[in-house]
Amino acid sequence: MFRARFLNDRIWRAKIEMPQSIYSIKCPFCNILLLCFPEICRNKVCPYENLEKDKRSGNVRIGICDDEKEIRNILAEIIQRVYPEAELSFYPSGDALLLSGSQPDILFLDIQMPDKSGMETAMELRKKNKRTILIFVTALEEYVFQAFDVGAYHYLVKPFSEEKFAEVLQKAVKELEEREKAESAETEKKTPSLMITSGGKHIAVHWEDIVYAEIFDRKILLHTMDEDIEYYGKMKELETKAGDSFYRSHRAYLVNFDYIRKYDATTIYLEKGQALMAKQNYREFVKSYLKYNQRHGEIGRD
């Protein structure tokens, strides 16, 4: 008997009902190793001929944590084809990863491992490392929502093709670049910070100290954890200077994502005070907040 399984528009696997050692594998497009099967396609056409090579690949540190050596080797081979100069590190268990003290830029983490699961490993990792771009690679779909609790960037469910893995990898590297640019902008923004004139004095206010800002009596009122500072200015100009760590939830409010404790469709509750949420801004606020938390490896609470 003969049956064909279509995996995507380009890849198909033809299987003749014979012992596993002599399965006939055909892939008319490329040399793709399917992670759900032990065989490798005999076609010699490389799927990475048309993939753009990243010039900064040599700077990327990529970790692979999986208890199966074969899977670690498979993922490493794919990574090396896309980013030949990337620095790779391997961990056979969650404990090995945590004890190493390593902080890779991107980490591929299996969930189903003996002793300490990948999810438990991720929770401990996030206590000390919130920067690593975390990608779960697993056959278990039921943990996808828990992945958001540890700030996972992506959740790859087996089986998948090399092409899909390479696509996620490239997106992760681009995300890394965006984060580095944002961090650089944040550093520049901290010096000289926000310069305002209040009560006849020139004051420098650090952006990271601002919990939220509001329009009050035709002035802007900056709320920090220690004090409130008012000055004459325009909220639109403040919003532009503040950058993507802040969000204008309402015409009269600009909030710092870092101080949010919880929120709903009408109100944002901060570590100090609260801000109004305009109904038309709620959906975009949630998207921006989730993106902010992905960059910083944290997830807020609804």
C-alpha atoms as a PDB file:
ATOM      1  CA  MET A   1       0.000   0.000   0.000  1.00  0.00           C
ATOM      2  CA  PHE A   2       1.096   3.535  -0.668  1.00  0.00           C
ATOM      3  CA  ARG A   3       0.174   6.788   1.016  1.00  0.00           C
ATOM      4  CA  ALA A   4       1.505  10.317   0.776  1.00  0.00           C
ATOM      5  CA  ARG A   5       1.491  12.904   3.515  1.00  0.00           C
ATOM      6  CA  PHE A   6       1.567  16.552   2.499  1.00  0.00           C
ATOM      7  CA  LEU A   7       3.423  18.706   5.009  1.00  0.00           C
ATOM      8  CA  ASN A   8       3.275  21.969   3.084  1.00  0.00           C
ATOM      9  CA  ASP A   9       3.141  23.196  -0.512  1.00  0.00           C
ATOM     10  CA  ARG A  10       6.690  22.065  -1.239  1.00  0.00           C
ATOM     11  CA  ILE A  11       7.334  19.018   0.885  1.00  0.00           C
ATOM     12  CA  TRP A  12       5.820  15.562   0.707  1.00  0.00           C
ATOM     13  CA  ARG A  13       6.767  12.234   2.099  1.00  0.00           C
ATOM     14  CA  ALA A  14       5.964   9.021   0.267  1.00  0.00           C
ATOM     15  CA  LYS A  15       6.001   5.933   2.474  1.00  0.00           C
ATOM     16  CA  ILE A  16       5.865   2.337   1.265  1.00  0.00           C
ATOM     17  CA  GLU A  17       4.596  -0.167   3.837  1.00  0.00           C
ATOM     18  CA  MET A  18       7.942  -1.876   4.494  1.00  0.00           C
ATOM     19  CA  PRO A  19      10.195  -2.298   7.527  1.00  0.00           C
ATOM     20  CA  GLN A  20      11.373   1.085   8.851  1.00  0.00           C
ATOM     21  CA  SER A  21      14.990   0.499   7.767  1.00  0.00           C
ATOM     22  CA  ILE A  22      14.033   0.508   4.079  1.00  0.00           C
ATOM     23  CA  TYR A  23      11.377   3.221   3.946  1.00  0.00           C
ATOM     24  CA  SER A  24      11.445   5.027   0.599  1.00  0.00           C
ATOM     25  CA  ILE A  25      11.681   8.767   1.245  1.00  0.00           C
ATOM     26  CA  LYS A  26      11.263  11.328  -1.530  1.00  0.00           C
ATOM     27  CA  CYS A  27      11.327  15.085  -1.414  1.00  0.00           C
ATOM     28  CA  PRO A  28      11.224  16.626  -4.913  1.00  0.00           C
ATOM     29  CA  PHE A  29      12.139  20.116  -3.683  1.00  0.00           C
ATOM     30  CA  CYS A  30      14.934  20.028  -1.130  1.00  0.00           C
ATOM     31  CA  ASN A  31      17.064  18.177   1.363  1.00  0.00           C
ATOM     32  CA  ILE A  32      14.759  18.587   4.346  1.00  0.00           C
ATOM     33  CA  LEU A  33      15.061  16.539   7.515  1.00  0.00           C
ATOM     34  CA  LEU A  34      11.646  16.160   9.125  1.00  0.00           C
ATOM     35  CA  LEU A  35      11.926  16.145  12.894  1.00  0.00           C
ATOM     36  CA  CYS A  36       8.982  13.755  13.211  1.00  0.00           C
ATOM     37  CA  PHE A  37      10.760  11.041  11.222  1.00  0.00           C
ATOM     38  CA  PRO A  38      14.217   9.474  11.540  1.00  0.00           C
ATOM     39  CA  GLU A  39      14.953   9.401   7.816  1.00  0.00           C
ATOM     40  CA  ILE A  40      16.639  12.103   5.734  1.00  0.00           C
ATOM     41  CA  CYS A  41      15.445  13.001   2.255  1.00  0.00           C
ATOM     42  CA  ARG A  42      17.813  11.772  -0.458  1.00  0.00           C
ATOM     43  CA  ASN A  43      17.430  14.869  -2.616  1.00  0.00           C
ATOM     44  CA  LYS A  44      20.683  16.881  -2.719  1.00  0.00           C
ATOM     45  CA  VAL A  45      19.121  20.301  -3.348  1.00  0.00           C
ATOM     46  CA  CYS A  46      19.829  22.459  -0.305  1.00  0.00           C
ATOM     47  CA  PRO A  47      16.795  24.381   1.063  1.00  0.00           C
ATOM     48  CA  TYR A  48      19.046  27.203   2.255  1.00  0.00           C
ATOM     49  CA  GLU A  49      20.373  28.279  -1.154  1.00  0.00           C
ATOM     50  CA  ASN A  50      17.888  31.138  -1.260  1.00  0.00           C
ATOM     51  CA  LEU A  51      17.954  32.059   2.409  1.00  0.00           C
ATOM     52  CA  GLU A  52      19.492  35.421   3.191  1.00  0.00           C
ATOM     53  CA  LYS A  53      22.675  35.062   5.236  1.00  0.00           C
ATOM     54  CA  ASP A  54      22.736  37.395   8.227  1.00  0.00           C
ATOM     55  CA  LYS A  55      25.908  39.498   8.428  1.00  0.00           C
ATOM     56  CA  ARG A  56      25.727  39.675  12.231  1.00  0.00           C
ATOM     57  CA  SER A  57      25.377  35.906  12.715  1.00  0.00           C
ATOM     58  CA  GLY A  58      28.813  35.703  14.285  1.00  0.00           C
ATOM     59  CA  ASN A  59      27.584  37.810  17.214  1.00  0.00           C
ATOM     60  CA  VAL A  60      24.594  35.622  18.036  1.00  0.00           C
ATOM     61  CA  ARG A  61      24.859  33.228  20.974  1.00  0.00           C
ATOM     62  CA  ILE A  62      22.358  30.392  20.610  1.00  0.00           C
ATOM     63  CA  GLY A  63      21.650  27.703  23.209  1.00  0.00           C
ATOM     64  CA  ILE A  64      19.908  24.358  22.739  1.00  0.00           C
ATOM     65  CA  CYS A  65      18.500  22.586  25.808  1.00  0.00           C
ATOM     66  CA  ASP A  66      17.106  19.115  25.099  1.00  0.00           C
ATOM     67  CA  ASP A  67      17.685  15.774  26.804  1.00  0.00           C
ATOM     68  CA  GLU A  68      17.918  13.984  23.425  1.00  0.00           C
ATOM     69  CA  LYS A  69      21.351  14.314  21.834  1.00  0.00           C
ATOM     70  CA  GLU A  70      19.970  13.534  18.386  1.00  0.00           C
ATOM     71  CA  ILE A  71      17.572  16.465  18.552  1.00  0.00           C
ATOM     72  CA  ARG A  72      20.338  18.776  19.775  1.00  0.00           C
ATOM     73  CA  ASN A  73      22.471  17.767  16.813  1.00  0.00           C
ATOM     74  CA  ILE A  74      19.601  18.182  14.342  1.00  0.00           C
ATOM     75  CA  LEU A  75      18.792  21.712  15.535  1.00  0.00           C
ATOM     76  CA  ALA A  76      22.469  22.634  15.608  1.00  0.00           C
ATOM     77  CA  GLU A  77      22.892  21.516  12.001  1.00  0.00           C
ATOM     78  CA  ILE A  78      20.012  23.703  10.863  1.00  0.00           C
ATOM     79  CA  ILE A  79      21.306  26.705  12.817  1.00  0.00           C
ATOM     80  CA  GLN A  80      24.798  26.323  11.374  1.00  0.00           C
ATOM     81  CA  ARG A  81      23.422  26.298   7.841  1.00  0.00           C
ATOM     82  CA  VAL A  82      21.573  29.569   8.366  1.00  0.00           C
ATOM     83  CA  TYR A  83      24.133  31.208  10.694  1.00  0.00           C
ATOM     84  CA  PRO A  84      27.475  29.430  10.149  1.00  0.00           C
ATOM     85  CA  GLU A  85      29.362  31.679  12.591  1.00  0.00           C
ATOM     86  CA  ALA A  86      26.853  31.664  15.431  1.00  0.00           C
ATOM     87  CA  GLU A  87      28.196  30.636  18.846  1.00  0.00           C
ATOM     88  CA  LEU A  88      26.375  27.455  19.925  1.00  0.00           C
ATOM     89  CA  SER A  89      26.040  25.953  23.394  1.00  0.00           C
ATOM     90  CA  PHE A  90      24.366  22.667  24.365  1.00  0.00           C
ATOM     91  CA  TYR A  91      22.603  21.567  27.554  1.00  0.00           C
ATOM     92  CA  PRO A  92      21.319  18.001  28.125  1.00  0.00           C
ATOM     93  CA  SER A  93      19.027  19.082  30.971  1.00  0.00           C
ATOM     94  CA  GLY A  94      17.421  22.069  32.634  1.00  0.00           C
ATOM     95  CA  ASP A  95      19.781  21.795  35.597  1.00  0.00           C
ATOM     96  CA  ALA A  96      22.792  21.827  33.270  1.00  0.00           C
ATOM     97  CA  LEU A  97      21.548  25.054  31.719  1.00  0.00           C
ATOM     98  CA  LEU A  98      20.872  26.757  35.045  1.00  0.00           C
ATOM     99  CA  LEU A  99      24.153  25.650  36.633  1.00  0.00           C
ATOM    100  CA  SER A 100      26.154  26.870  33.641  1.00  0.00           C
ATOM    101  CA  GLY A 101      25.173  30.464  34.340  1.00  0.00           C
ATOM    102  CA  SER A 102      25.115  31.068  30.575  1.00  0.00           C
ATOM    103  CA  GLN A 103      22.885  33.731  29.083  1.00  0.00           C
ATOM    104  CA  PRO A 104      22.456  32.955  25.374  1.00  0.00           C
ATOM    105  CA  ASP A 105      20.801  35.535  23.152  1.00  0.00           C
ATOM    106  CA  ILE A 106      18.384  32.882  21.867  1.00  0.00           C
ATOM    107  CA  LEU A 107      17.468  29.637  23.637  1.00  0.00           C
ATOM    108  CA  PHE A 108      15.648  26.644  22.131  1.00  0.00           C
ATOM    109  CA  LEU A 109      14.168  24.732  25.047  1.00  0.00           C
ATOM    110  CA  ASP A 110      12.396  21.375  25.149  1.00  0.00           C
ATOM    111  CA  ILE A 111       9.543  21.015  27.672  1.00  0.00           C
ATOM    112  CA  GLN A 112       9.336  17.281  28.277  1.00  0.00           C
ATOM    113  CA  MET A 113      12.622  16.426  30.013  1.00  0.00           C
ATOM    114  CA  PRO A 114      13.369  14.186  33.016  1.00  0.00           C
ATOM    115  CA  ASP A 115      13.957  15.656  36.500  1.00  0.00           C
ATOM    116  CA  LYS A 116      13.267  19.313  35.679  1.00  0.00           C
ATOM    117  CA  SER A 117      10.828  20.133  32.889  1.00  0.00           C
ATOM    118  CA  GLY A 118      11.498  22.857  30.350  1.00  0.00           C
ATOM    119  CA  MET A 119       8.723  24.994  31.827  1.00  0.00           C
ATOM    120  CA  GLU A 120      10.200  24.714  35.330  1.00  0.00           C
ATOM    121  CA  THR A 121      13.616  25.515  33.888  1.00  0.00           C
ATOM    122  CA  ALA A 122      12.241  28.602  32.138  1.00  0.00           C
ATOM    123  CA  MET A 123      10.616  29.869  35.347  1.00  0.00           C
ATOM    124  CA  GLU A 124      13.907  29.629  37.239  1.00  0.00           C
ATOM    125  CA  LEU A 125      15.840  31.098  34.326  1.00  0.00           C
ATOM    126  CA  ARG A 126      13.614  34.178  34.218  1.00  0.00           C
ATOM    127  CA  LYS A 127      14.377  34.996  37.862  1.00  0.00           C
ATOM    128  CA  LYS A 128      17.912  35.953  36.823  1.00  0.00           C
ATOM    129  CA  ASN A 129      17.735  36.310  33.057  1.00  0.00           C
ATOM    130  CA  LYS A 130      14.949  38.257  31.411  1.00  0.00           C
ATOM    131  CA  ARG A 131      16.833  39.087  28.231  1.00  0.00           C
ATOM    132  CA  THR A 132      17.145  35.724  26.476  1.00  0.00           C
ATOM    133  CA  ILE A 133      14.743  35.155  23.584  1.00  0.00           C
ATOM    134  CA  LEU A 134      13.053  31.909  24.603  1.00  0.00           C
ATOM    135  CA  ILE A 135      11.649  29.490  22.027  1.00  0.00           C
ATOM    136  CA  PHE A 136      10.019  26.257  23.169  1.00  0.00           C
ATOM    137  CA  VAL A 137      10.512  23.244  20.889  1.00  0.00           C
ATOM    138  CA  THR A 138       8.172  20.454  21.929  1.00  0.00           C
ATOM    139  CA  ALA A 139       5.546  17.916  20.910  1.00  0.00           C
ATOM    140  CA  LEU A 140       3.274  19.091  23.741  1.00  0.00           C
ATOM    141  CA  GLU A 141       0.662  21.665  22.734  1.00  0.00           C
ATOM    142  CA  GLU A 142      -0.977  22.015  26.149  1.00  0.00           C
ATOM    143  CA  TYR A 143       1.722  24.302  27.566  1.00  0.00           C
ATOM    144  CA  VAL A 144       1.370  27.010  24.946  1.00  0.00           C
ATOM    145  CA  PHE A 145      -0.465  29.417  27.269  1.00  0.00           C
ATOM    146  CA  GLN A 146       1.956  28.829  30.142  1.00  0.00           C
ATOM    147  CA  ALA A 147       4.725  29.822  27.738  1.00  0.00           C
ATOM    148  CA  PHE A 148       3.463  33.411  27.860  1.00  0.00           C
ATOM    149  CA  ASP A 149       3.961  33.441  31.645  1.00  0.00           C
ATOM    150  CA  VAL A 150       7.714  33.118  31.123  1.00  0.00           C
ATOM    151  CA  GLY A 151       7.872  35.594  28.256  1.00  0.00           C
ATOM    152  CA  ALA A 152       8.383  33.039  25.487  1.00  0.00           C
ATOM    153  CA  TYR A 153       8.954  34.498  22.037  1.00  0.00           C
ATOM    154  CA  HIS A 154       7.678  31.454  20.115  1.00  0.00           C
ATOM    155  CA  TYR A 155       6.265  27.975  20.670  1.00  0.00           C
ATOM    156  CA  LEU A 156       7.273  25.433  18.021  1.00  0.00           C
ATOM    157  CA  VAL A 157       5.194  22.261  18.029  1.00  0.00           C
ATOM    158  CA  LYS A 158       6.662  19.106  16.475  1.00  0.00           C
ATOM    159  CA  PRO A 159       6.483  17.936  13.799  1.00  0.00           C
ATOM    160  CA  PHE A 160       7.833  20.823  11.729  1.00  0.00           C
ATOM    161  CA  SER A 161      10.142  21.183   8.761  1.00  0.00           C
ATOM    162  CA  GLU A 162      13.627  22.665   8.637  1.00  0.00           C
ATOM    163  CA  GLU A 163      12.181  25.517   6.638  1.00  0.00           C
ATOM    164  CA  LYS A 164       9.756  26.425   9.446  1.00  0.00           C
ATOM    165  CA  PHE A 165      12.510  26.207  12.054  1.00  0.00           C
ATOM    166  CA  ALA A 166      14.796  28.427   9.961  1.00  0.00           C
ATOM    167  CA  GLU A 167      11.996  30.968   9.545  1.00  0.00           C
ATOM    168  CA  VAL A 168      11.425  31.192  13.319  1.00  0.00           C
ATOM    169  CA  LEU A 169      15.181  31.415  13.910  1.00  0.00           C
ATOM    170  CA  GLN A 170      15.586  34.320  11.496  1.00  0.00           C
ATOM    171  CA  LYS A 171      12.653  36.166  13.076  1.00  0.00           C
ATOM    172  CA  ALA A 172      14.215  35.672  16.501  1.00  0.00           C
ATOM    173  CA  VAL A 173      17.514  37.159  15.305  1.00  0.00           C
ATOM    174  CA  LYS A 174      15.672  40.157  13.867  1.00  0.00           C
ATOM    175  CA  GLU A 175      13.840  40.547  17.180  1.00  0.00           C
ATOM    176  CA  LEU A 176      17.212  40.495  18.927  1.00  0.00           C
ATOM    177  CA  GLU A 177      18.426  43.306  16.681  1.00  0.00           C
ATOM    178  CA  GLU A 178      15.306  45.361  17.404  1.00  0.00           C
ATOM    179  CA  ARG A 179      15.754  44.895  21.135  1.00  0.00           C
ATOM    180  CA  GLU A 180      19.380  45.995  20.965  1.00  0.00           C
ATOM    181  CA  LYS A 181      18.386  49.099  19.028  1.00  0.00           C
ATOM    182  CA  ALA A 182      15.642  49.854  21.566  1.00  0.00           C
ATOM    183  CA  GLU A 183      18.059  49.397  24.468  1.00  0.00           C
ATOM    184  CA  SER A 184      20.540  51.698  22.771  1.00  0.00           C
ATOM    185  CA  ALA A 185      17.818  54.302  22.339  1.00  0.00           C
ATOM    186  CA  GLU A 186      16.842  53.889  26.005  1.00  0.00           C
ATOM    187  CA  THR A 187      20.445  54.491  27.054  1.00  0.00           C
ATOM    188  CA  GLU A 188      20.622  57.642  24.974  1.00  0.00           C
ATOM    189  CA  LYS A 189      17.293  58.739  26.382  1.00  0.00           C
ATOM    190  CA  LYS A 190      18.458  58.410  30.002  1.00  0.00           C
ATOM    191  CA  THR A 191      21.146  61.021  29.394  1.00  0.00           C
ATOM    192  CA  PRO A 192      20.277  63.845  29.744  1.00  0.00           C
ATOM    193  CA  SER A 193      16.772  62.472  30.492  1.00  0.00           C
ATOM    194  CA  LEU A 194      13.733  64.743  30.335  1.00  0.00           C
ATOM    195  CA  MET A 195      14.572  68.390  30.909  1.00  0.00           C
ATOM    196  CA  ILE A 196      11.683  70.513  32.172  1.00  0.00           C
ATOM    197  CA  THR A 197      11.139  73.838  33.895  1.00  0.00           C
ATOM    198  CA  SER A 198       9.099  73.683  37.081  1.00  0.00           C
ATOM    199  CA  GLY A 199       8.688  76.454  39.614  1.00  0.00           C
ATOM    200  CA  GLY A 200      11.339  78.518  37.870  1.00  0.00           C
ATOM    201  CA  LYS A 201      13.896  75.712  38.136  1.00  0.00           C
ATOM    202  CA  HIS A 202      15.389  73.511  35.434  1.00  0.00           C
ATOM    203  CA  ILE A 203      14.925  69.878  36.408  1.00  0.00           C
ATOM    204  CA  ALA A 204      16.195  66.629  34.873  1.00  0.00           C
ATOM    205  CA  VAL A 205      13.763  63.743  35.316  1.00  0.00           C
ATOM    206  CA  HIS A 206      14.898  60.196  34.511  1.00  0.00           C
ATOM    207  CA  TRP A 207      12.465  58.444  32.202  1.00  0.00           C
ATOM    208  CA  GLU A 208      12.622  55.208  34.191  1.00  0.00           C
ATOM    209  CA  ASP A 209      11.456  57.111  37.310  1.00  0.00           C
ATOM    210  CA  ILE A 210       8.211  58.317  35.715  1.00  0.00           C
ATOM    211  CA  VAL A 211       5.297  56.070  36.714  1.00  0.00           C
ATOM    212  CA  TYR A 212       2.789  57.977  34.597  1.00  0.00           C
ATOM    213  CA  ALA A 213       1.953  61.464  33.393  1.00  0.00           C
ATOM    214  CA  GLU A 214      -1.404  63.198  33.272  1.00  0.00           C
ATOM    215  CA  ILE A 215      -2.887  66.472  32.144  1.00  0.00           C
ATOM    216  CA  PHE A 216      -4.018  68.410  35.212  1.00  0.00           C
ATOM    217  CA  ASP A 217      -5.314  71.965  35.224  1.00  0.00           C
ATOM    218  CA  ARG A 218      -3.758  72.664  31.784  1.00  0.00           C
ATOM    219  CA  LYS A 219      -0.384  71.443  33.028  1.00  0.00           C
ATOM    220  CA  ILE A 220       1.431  68.126  32.766  1.00  0.00           C
ATOM    221  CA  LEU A 221       1.821  66.325  36.078  1.00  0.00           C
ATOM    222  CA  LEU A 222       4.642  63.759  36.239  1.00  0.00           C
ATOM    223  CA  HIS A 223       4.147  61.093  38.892  1.00  0.00           C
ATOM    224  CA  THR A 224       7.246  59.343  40.231  1.00  0.00           C
ATOM    225  CA  MET A 225       7.381  56.987  43.222  1.00  0.00           C
ATOM    226  CA  ASP A 226       8.841  59.784  45.370  1.00  0.00           C
ATOM    227  CA  GLU A 227       7.186  62.964  44.169  1.00  0.00           C
ATOM    228  CA  ASP A 228       4.852  64.675  41.704  1.00  0.00           C
ATOM    229  CA  ILE A 229       6.256  67.328  39.364  1.00  0.00           C
ATOM    230  CA  GLU A 230       4.136  69.724  37.324  1.00  0.00           C
ATOM    231  CA  TYR A 231       5.178  71.858  34.399  1.00  0.00           C
ATOM    232  CA  TYR A 232       3.750  73.576  31.345  1.00  0.00           C
ATOM    233  CA  GLY A 233       4.030  71.397  28.257  1.00  0.00           C
ATOM    234  CA  LYS A 234       2.170  69.375  25.650  1.00  0.00           C
ATOM    235  CA  MET A 235       1.319  65.719  26.156  1.00  0.00           C
ATOM    236  CA  LYS A 236       1.932  64.955  22.479  1.00  0.00           C
ATOM    237  CA  GLU A 237       5.529  66.178  22.731  1.00  0.00           C
ATOM    238  CA  LEU A 238       6.058  64.172  25.920  1.00  0.00           C
ATOM    239  CA  GLU A 239       4.622  61.051  24.260  1.00  0.00           C
ATOM    240  CA  THR A 240       7.026  61.414  21.301  1.00  0.00           C
ATOM    241  CA  LYS A 241      10.070  61.829  23.551  1.00  0.00           C
ATOM    242  CA  ALA A 242       9.097  58.993  25.905  1.00  0.00           C
ATOM    243  CA  GLY A 243       9.476  56.171  23.354  1.00  0.00           C
ATOM    244  CA  ASP A 244       7.990  52.677  23.305  1.00  0.00           C
ATOM    245  CA  SER A 245       8.308  52.049  27.055  1.00  0.00           C
ATOM    246  CA  PHE A 246       5.322  54.358  27.476  1.00  0.00           C
ATOM    247  CA  TYR A 247       1.788  54.256  26.091  1.00  0.00           C
ATOM    248  CA  ARG A 248      -0.840  56.959  25.835  1.00  0.00           C
ATOM    249  CA  SER A 249      -3.883  55.084  27.108  1.00  0.00           C
ATOM    250  CA  HIS A 250      -6.109  58.148  27.201  1.00  0.00           C
ATOM    251  CA  ARG A 251      -6.038  61.717  25.936  1.00  0.00           C
ATOM    252  CA  ALA A 252      -4.984  62.840  29.409  1.00  0.00           C
ATOM    253  CA  TYR A 253      -2.714  59.929  30.442  1.00  0.00           C
ATOM    254  CA  LEU A 254       0.684  58.508  29.466  1.00  0.00           C
ATOM    255  CA  VAL A 255       1.744  55.368  31.380  1.00  0.00           C
ATOM    256  CA  ASN A 256       5.083  53.627  31.871  1.00  0.00           C
ATOM    257  CA  PHE A 257       4.713  49.902  31.045  1.00  0.00           C
ATOM    258  CA  ASP A 258       7.259  49.012  33.711  1.00  0.00           C
ATOM    259  CA  TYR A 259       4.994  50.122  36.571  1.00  0.00           C
ATOM    260  CA  ILE A 260       1.771  48.406  35.501  1.00  0.00           C
ATOM    261  CA  ARG A 261       0.333  45.967  38.073  1.00  0.00           C
ATOM    262  CA  LYS A 262      -2.906  45.102  36.285  1.00  0.00           C
ATOM    263  CA  TYR A 263      -5.401  46.581  33.861  1.00  0.00           C
ATOM    264  CA  ASP A 264      -8.863  46.238  32.384  1.00  0.00           C
ATOM    265  CA  ALA A 265     -10.828  47.910  29.614  1.00  0.00           C
ATOM    266  CA  THR A 266     -11.356  51.123  31.603  1.00  0.00           C
ATOM    267  CA  THR A 267      -8.437  51.489  34.031  1.00  0.00           C
ATOM    268  CA  ILE A 268      -4.694  50.838  34.338  1.00  0.00           C
ATOM    269  CA  TYR A 269      -3.551  50.158  37.902  1.00  0.00           C
ATOM    270  CA  LEU A 270       0.037  51.197  38.530  1.00  0.00           C
ATOM    271  CA  GLU A 271       2.436  50.753  41.442  1.00  0.00           C
ATOM    272  CA  LYS A 272       1.465  54.292  42.336  1.00  0.00           C
ATOM    273  CA  GLY A 273      -1.919  55.622  41.278  1.00  0.00           C
ATOM    274  CA  GLN A 274      -4.022  54.680  38.284  1.00  0.00           C
ATOM    275  CA  ALA A 275      -4.753  55.957  34.782  1.00  0.00           C
ATOM    276  CA  LEU A 276      -7.829  55.957  32.584  1.00  0.00           C
ATOM    277  CA  MET A 277      -8.093  53.741  29.514  1.00  0.00           C
ATOM    278  CA  ALA A 278      -9.909  55.069  26.454  1.00  0.00           C
ATOM    279  CA  LYS A 279     -12.146  52.352  25.006  1.00  0.00           C
ATOM    280  CA  GLN A 280     -10.806  52.832  21.473  1.00  0.00           C
ATOM    281  CA  ASN A 281      -7.203  52.425  22.700  1.00  0.00           C
ATOM    282  CA  TYR A 282      -7.623  49.185  24.654  1.00  0.00           C
ATOM    283  CA  ARG A 283      -6.910  46.690  21.882  1.00  0.00           C
ATOM    284  CA  GLU A 284      -3.770  48.497  20.711  1.00  0.00           C
ATOM    285  CA  PHE A 285      -2.636  48.926  24.317  1.00  0.00           C
ATOM    286  CA  VAL A 286      -2.794  45.161  24.924  1.00  0.00           C
ATOM    287  CA  LYS A 287      -0.742  44.480  21.769  1.00  0.00           C
ATOM    288  CA  SER A 288       1.882  47.063  22.725  1.00  0.00           C
ATOM    289  CA  TYR A 289       2.078  45.816  26.312  1.00  0.00           C
ATOM    290  CA  LEU A 290       2.550  42.187  25.242  1.00  0.00           C
ATOM    291  CA  LYS A 291       5.281  43.229  22.809  1.00  0.00           C
ATOM    292  CA  TYR A 292       6.993  45.217  25.560  1.00  0.00           C
ATOM    293  CA  ASN A 293       6.876  42.196  27.876  1.00  0.00           C
ATOM    294  CA  GLN A 294       8.315  39.931  25.188  1.00  0.00           C
ATOM    295  CA  ARG A 295      11.279  42.280  24.879  1.00  0.00           C
ATOM    296  CA  HIS A 296      11.804  42.331  28.633  1.00  0.00           C
ATOM    297  CA  GLY A 297      10.905  38.694  29.354  1.00  0.00           C
ATOM    298  CA  GLU A 298       7.995  39.528  31.654  1.00  0.00           C
ATOM    299  CA  ILE A 299       4.242  39.206  31.499  1.00  0.00           C
ATOM    300  CA  GLY A 300       1.816  41.447  33.310  1.00  0.00           C
ATOM    301  CA  ARG A 301      -1.368  40.318  35.015  1.00  0.00           C
ATOM    302  CA  ASP A 302      -4.891  41.044  33.790  1.00  0.00           C
END
